[in-house]
Amino acid sequence: MTTKTYNGSCHCQRVKYQADLDLAGETTRCNCTWCAKTRAWGLNTKPAAFRLLEGEEVLGSYSKSGFIQHRFCTRCGVQVFATGDIPQIGGAFVGVVLSTLDDAEPAALAATPIRYCNGRDNLWQDPPRETRYL
């Protein structure tokens, strides 16, 4: 595992963060109603590997389930990351939205492996039957 520190932000640059990520690691796309509607593509990391640098005061939070908090900029509306604790996928995590990384090379993002999660049926470790729309 090779981690690198990446910088990320929302569209208006009010929310900024750094995260230690391994882009060769497994990224996720999920079919839960939130991820499917927002086309979320994330990479989970441990909370200690994520640092919010700016924008706590403009961060909004949304949760339908209560165990994942989707964090977004209330000024520009961009979802930046999510926090949660799901034992089936390793416990506490920060899910960085890959489209908010400012300094990741497109080729590195294109090469990341994707794991599809069946969040719609609460079967997080199983892929859904259909993934082409994710």
C-alpha atoms as a PDB file:
ATOM      1  CA  MET A   1       0.000   0.000   0.000  1.00  0.00           C
ATOM      2  CA  THR A   2       1.403   3.344  -1.064  1.00  0.00           C
ATOM      3  CA  THR A   3      -0.344   6.365   0.351  1.00  0.00           C
ATOM      4  CA  LYS A   4       0.050   9.901  -0.852  1.00  0.00           C
ATOM      5  CA  THR A   5      -1.317  13.118   0.613  1.00  0.00           C
ATOM      6  CA  TYR A   6      -3.939  14.653  -1.664  1.00  0.00           C
ATOM      7  CA  ASN A   7      -5.600  18.033  -1.434  1.00  0.00           C
ATOM      8  CA  GLY A   8      -9.284  18.406  -2.076  1.00  0.00           C
ATOM      9  CA  SER A   9     -11.997  21.028  -2.007  1.00  0.00           C
ATOM     10  CA  CYS A  10     -15.537  21.906  -2.919  1.00  0.00           C
ATOM     11  CA  HIS A  11     -16.305  23.963  -6.034  1.00  0.00           C
ATOM     12  CA  CYS A  12     -16.218  27.383  -4.339  1.00  0.00           C
ATOM     13  CA  GLN A  13     -13.048  26.502  -2.395  1.00  0.00           C
ATOM     14  CA  ARG A  14     -14.601  27.271   1.019  1.00  0.00           C
ATOM     15  CA  VAL A  15     -14.145  23.658   2.148  1.00  0.00           C
ATOM     16  CA  LYS A  16     -10.589  22.342   1.889  1.00  0.00           C
ATOM     17  CA  TYR A  17      -9.072  19.129   3.157  1.00  0.00           C
ATOM     18  CA  GLN A  18      -6.083  16.833   2.945  1.00  0.00           C
ATOM     19  CA  ALA A  19      -6.307  13.057   2.907  1.00  0.00           C
ATOM     20  CA  ASP A  20      -3.715  10.308   2.862  1.00  0.00           C
ATOM     21  CA  LEU A  21      -5.002   7.933   0.204  1.00  0.00           C
ATOM     22  CA  ASP A  22      -3.848   4.974  -1.839  1.00  0.00           C
ATOM     23  CA  LEU A  23      -5.422   5.449  -5.273  1.00  0.00           C
ATOM     24  CA  ALA A  24      -4.300   1.952  -6.195  1.00  0.00           C
ATOM     25  CA  GLY A  25      -6.546   0.764  -3.377  1.00  0.00           C
ATOM     26  CA  GLU A  26     -10.192  -0.060  -3.716  1.00  0.00           C
ATOM     27  CA  THR A  27     -12.664   2.710  -4.503  1.00  0.00           C
ATOM     28  CA  THR A  28     -16.398   2.256  -4.100  1.00  0.00           C
ATOM     29  CA  ARG A  29     -19.558   2.928  -6.000  1.00  0.00           C
ATOM     30  CA  CYS A  30     -22.802   2.065  -4.304  1.00  0.00           C
ATOM     31  CA  ASN A  31     -26.413   1.584  -5.320  1.00  0.00           C
ATOM     32  CA  CYS A  32     -27.959   3.071  -2.163  1.00  0.00           C
ATOM     33  CA  THR A  33     -30.403   5.852  -2.923  1.00  0.00           C
ATOM     34  CA  TRP A  34     -27.920   8.605  -1.994  1.00  0.00           C
ATOM     35  CA  CYS A  35     -24.971   7.304  -3.997  1.00  0.00           C
ATOM     36  CA  ALA A  36     -27.094   6.381  -7.016  1.00  0.00           C
ATOM     37  CA  LYS A  37     -28.709   9.831  -7.152  1.00  0.00           C
ATOM     38  CA  THR A  38     -25.471  11.770  -6.623  1.00  0.00           C
ATOM     39  CA  ARG A  39     -23.284   9.424  -8.708  1.00  0.00           C
ATOM     40  CA  ALA A  40     -20.918   9.258  -5.756  1.00  0.00           C
ATOM     41  CA  TRP A  41     -17.535   7.611  -6.250  1.00  0.00           C
ATOM     42  CA  GLY A  42     -15.472   7.396  -3.114  1.00  0.00           C
ATOM     43  CA  LEU A  43     -12.429   6.052  -1.405  1.00  0.00           C
ATOM     44  CA  ASN A  44     -12.690   5.200   2.254  1.00  0.00           C
ATOM     45  CA  THR A  45      -9.894   5.993   4.656  1.00  0.00           C
ATOM     46  CA  LYS A  46      -9.515   5.950   8.413  1.00  0.00           C
ATOM     47  CA  PRO A  47     -10.472   9.185  10.224  1.00  0.00           C
ATOM     48  CA  ALA A  48      -6.826   9.794  11.264  1.00  0.00           C
ATOM     49  CA  ALA A  49      -5.842  10.011   7.573  1.00  0.00           C
ATOM     50  CA  PHE A  50      -8.284  12.876   6.858  1.00  0.00           C
ATOM     51  CA  ARG A  51      -7.758  16.500   7.851  1.00  0.00           C
ATOM     52  CA  LEU A  52     -10.362  19.209   7.347  1.00  0.00           C
ATOM     53  CA  LEU A  53      -8.303  22.356   6.742  1.00  0.00           C
ATOM     54  CA  GLU A  54     -10.993  24.969   6.108  1.00  0.00           C
ATOM     55  CA  GLY A  55     -14.733  25.317   5.964  1.00  0.00           C
ATOM     56  CA  GLU A  56     -16.173  23.619   9.039  1.00  0.00           C
ATOM     57  CA  GLU A  57     -18.545  26.589   9.383  1.00  0.00           C
ATOM     58  CA  VAL A  58     -20.056  26.068   5.892  1.00  0.00           C
ATOM     59  CA  LEU A  59     -20.362  22.281   6.047  1.00  0.00           C
ATOM     60  CA  GLY A  60     -23.844  20.867   5.986  1.00  0.00           C
ATOM     61  CA  SER A  61     -24.699  17.319   6.928  1.00  0.00           C
ATOM     62  CA  TYR A  62     -27.333  14.934   5.650  1.00  0.00           C
ATOM     63  CA  SER A  63     -28.202  11.433   6.761  1.00  0.00           C
ATOM     64  CA  LYS A  64     -31.152   9.271   5.870  1.00  0.00           C
ATOM     65  CA  SER A  65     -29.901   6.175   7.647  1.00  0.00           C
ATOM     66  CA  GLY A  66     -28.299   7.767  10.691  1.00  0.00           C
ATOM     67  CA  PHE A  67     -25.048   5.840  10.376  1.00  0.00           C
ATOM     68  CA  ILE A  68     -23.504   7.723   7.435  1.00  0.00           C
ATOM     69  CA  GLN A  69     -23.246  11.519   7.463  1.00  0.00           C
ATOM     70  CA  HIS A  70     -22.899  13.043   3.990  1.00  0.00           C
ATOM     71  CA  ARG A  71     -21.010  16.329   4.326  1.00  0.00           C
ATOM     72  CA  PHE A  72     -21.435  19.070   1.737  1.00  0.00           C
ATOM     73  CA  CYS A  73     -20.648  22.738   1.242  1.00  0.00           C
ATOM     74  CA  THR A  74     -23.749  24.823   1.971  1.00  0.00           C
ATOM     75  CA  ARG A  75     -22.466  27.578  -0.303  1.00  0.00           C
ATOM     76  CA  CYS A  76     -21.879  25.663  -3.571  1.00  0.00           C
ATOM     77  CA  GLY A  77     -23.664  22.393  -2.774  1.00  0.00           C
ATOM     78  CA  VAL A  78     -20.797  20.018  -3.564  1.00  0.00           C
ATOM     79  CA  GLN A  79     -20.640  16.821  -1.516  1.00  0.00           C
ATOM     80  CA  VAL A  80     -17.047  16.584  -0.297  1.00  0.00           C
ATOM     81  CA  PHE A  81     -16.919  13.568   2.009  1.00  0.00           C
ATOM     82  CA  ALA A  82     -18.961  11.295   4.233  1.00  0.00           C
ATOM     83  CA  THR A  83     -18.302   9.905   7.685  1.00  0.00           C
ATOM     84  CA  GLY A  84     -19.629   6.730   9.156  1.00  0.00           C
ATOM     85  CA  ASP A  85     -19.078   3.484  10.952  1.00  0.00           C
ATOM     86  CA  ILE A  86     -20.067   0.259   9.193  1.00  0.00           C
ATOM     87  CA  PRO A  87     -18.540  -2.822  10.817  1.00  0.00           C
ATOM     88  CA  GLN A  88     -19.011  -4.910   7.636  1.00  0.00           C
ATOM     89  CA  ILE A  89     -16.578  -2.663   5.739  1.00  0.00           C
ATOM     90  CA  GLY A  90     -13.982  -2.044   8.444  1.00  0.00           C
ATOM     91  CA  GLY A  91     -15.570   0.228  11.041  1.00  0.00           C
ATOM     92  CA  ALA A  92     -15.145   4.011  11.277  1.00  0.00           C
ATOM     93  CA  PHE A  93     -14.264   5.745   8.010  1.00  0.00           C
ATOM     94  CA  VAL A  94     -14.172   8.944   6.037  1.00  0.00           C
ATOM     95  CA  GLY A  95     -15.359   8.460   2.471  1.00  0.00           C
ATOM     96  CA  VAL A  96     -13.606  11.014   0.276  1.00  0.00           C
ATOM     97  CA  VAL A  97     -15.535  11.906  -2.878  1.00  0.00           C
ATOM     98  CA  LEU A  98     -12.893  11.368  -5.570  1.00  0.00           C
ATOM     99  CA  SER A  99     -14.228  14.108  -7.835  1.00  0.00           C
ATOM    100  CA  THR A 100     -13.246  16.654  -5.151  1.00  0.00           C
ATOM    101  CA  LEU A 101      -9.528  15.795  -5.277  1.00  0.00           C
ATOM    102  CA  ASP A 102      -7.669  18.793  -6.686  1.00  0.00           C
ATOM    103  CA  ASP A 103      -4.317  17.203  -7.416  1.00  0.00           C
ATOM    104  CA  ALA A 104      -5.067  13.632  -8.484  1.00  0.00           C
ATOM    105  CA  GLU A 105      -3.994  12.853 -12.025  1.00  0.00           C
ATOM    106  CA  PRO A 106      -6.816  11.716 -14.331  1.00  0.00           C
ATOM    107  CA  ALA A 107      -4.809   8.634 -15.328  1.00  0.00           C
ATOM    108  CA  ALA A 108      -4.426   7.637 -11.664  1.00  0.00           C
ATOM    109  CA  LEU A 109      -8.169   8.028 -11.086  1.00  0.00           C
ATOM    110  CA  ALA A 110      -8.971   6.024 -14.223  1.00  0.00           C
ATOM    111  CA  ALA A 111      -6.745   3.179 -13.019  1.00  0.00           C
ATOM    112  CA  THR A 112      -8.297   2.832  -9.564  1.00  0.00           C
ATOM    113  CA  PRO A 113     -10.100  -0.449  -8.949  1.00  0.00           C
ATOM    114  CA  ILE A 114     -13.804  -0.133  -8.166  1.00  0.00           C
ATOM    115  CA  ARG A 115     -15.780  -2.268  -5.711  1.00  0.00           C
ATOM    116  CA  TYR A 116     -19.537  -2.077  -6.151  1.00  0.00           C
ATOM    117  CA  CYS A 117     -21.603  -2.161  -2.941  1.00  0.00           C
ATOM    118  CA  ASN A 118     -25.219  -3.188  -2.529  1.00  0.00           C
ATOM    119  CA  GLY A 119     -26.158  -0.492  -0.026  1.00  0.00           C
ATOM    120  CA  ARG A 120     -29.745  -0.409  -1.270  1.00  0.00           C
ATOM    121  CA  ASP A 121     -30.308  -3.824   0.332  1.00  0.00           C
ATOM    122  CA  ASN A 122     -27.920  -3.210   3.255  1.00  0.00           C
ATOM    123  CA  LEU A 123     -25.587  -5.899   1.864  1.00  0.00           C
ATOM    124  CA  TRP A 124     -22.502  -3.678   1.835  1.00  0.00           C
ATOM    125  CA  GLN A 125     -20.020  -6.457   1.042  1.00  0.00           C
ATOM    126  CA  ASP A 126     -22.002  -7.791  -1.913  1.00  0.00           C
ATOM    127  CA  PRO A 127     -22.132  -6.223  -5.360  1.00  0.00           C
ATOM    128  CA  PRO A 128     -25.556  -5.373  -6.776  1.00  0.00           C
ATOM    129  CA  ARG A 129     -26.769  -7.431  -9.734  1.00  0.00           C
ATOM    130  CA  GLU A 130     -26.547  -4.407 -12.058  1.00  0.00           C
ATOM    131  CA  THR A 131     -23.623  -1.953 -11.915  1.00  0.00           C
ATOM    132  CA  ARG A 132     -23.504  -0.345 -15.358  1.00  0.00           C
ATOM    133  CA  TYR A 133     -25.549   2.660 -14.213  1.00  0.00           C
ATOM    134  CA  LEU A 134     -23.281   3.350 -11.271  1.00  0.00           C
END
